[in-house]
Amino acid sequence: MRKYILAPTLLLWIIGLLIACTPHSDEQVLQKVGDKKEANPENTKYEFQEEDWVLSPSFEHSVVYKDGDEGSYTLVGNKEGIGFTGPFPILAKETQKYFWFYFGKTDIYDKPVKVVAIKKGTQKPIDILSGPSTFYKSAEVSPDSVNMPSHLKFPSAGKWRILIYIDEKLYDSIVVEVL
């Protein structure tokens, strides 16, 4: 009789442990952050769990330019959303030029873009973007992507979660290591 009670209890405990240890997906993090309805993200405090700080992947993005030449960029971010390229590693306290790439299907041309970042261990986002802040049609690199040049400056080293807002709505999130 005891083993009939012990086996289901043990099974439920193992399932609970597996669920608790499963890392959050970016979609779950975006949903959590997106629940903050504040139009001005700098006035919002965010809380993330340890599993929310997994570095975003890097990937190659191949393009065929309008003149027919081919090229490739190493991006950090999300293949189905937003990624960026520039000087890697990212260095703290230095303004560096980066190019943002948008891969989504929604029309985001000429809509305002806001980029803020939150350092791991803090709750308050800071503005890290300077330069143009919109994806515009003439910045199309290839038929499948459009870019936006910008300058980023992180005030200190550490892990940072970058939050990208388009037209005042959270669109994507990227985690990077800043040296």
Foldseek 3Di string as FASTA:
>chain_A
DVVVVVVVVVVVVVVVVVVVPDADDQVVVLVQVQVPLDLDQQPWFDDDDPSVQDAFDWDKDWAQAPVRDIDIFIWGFDQAAKTKGFDPPAAAPDKTKMKMKGQYDDDQAPWFKFKWKDFPPTTGIDGFWDDDGGFHPVQAGHPRIGIDMIIGHHHDFHKMKMFMDTNSGTGGIGIHTYD
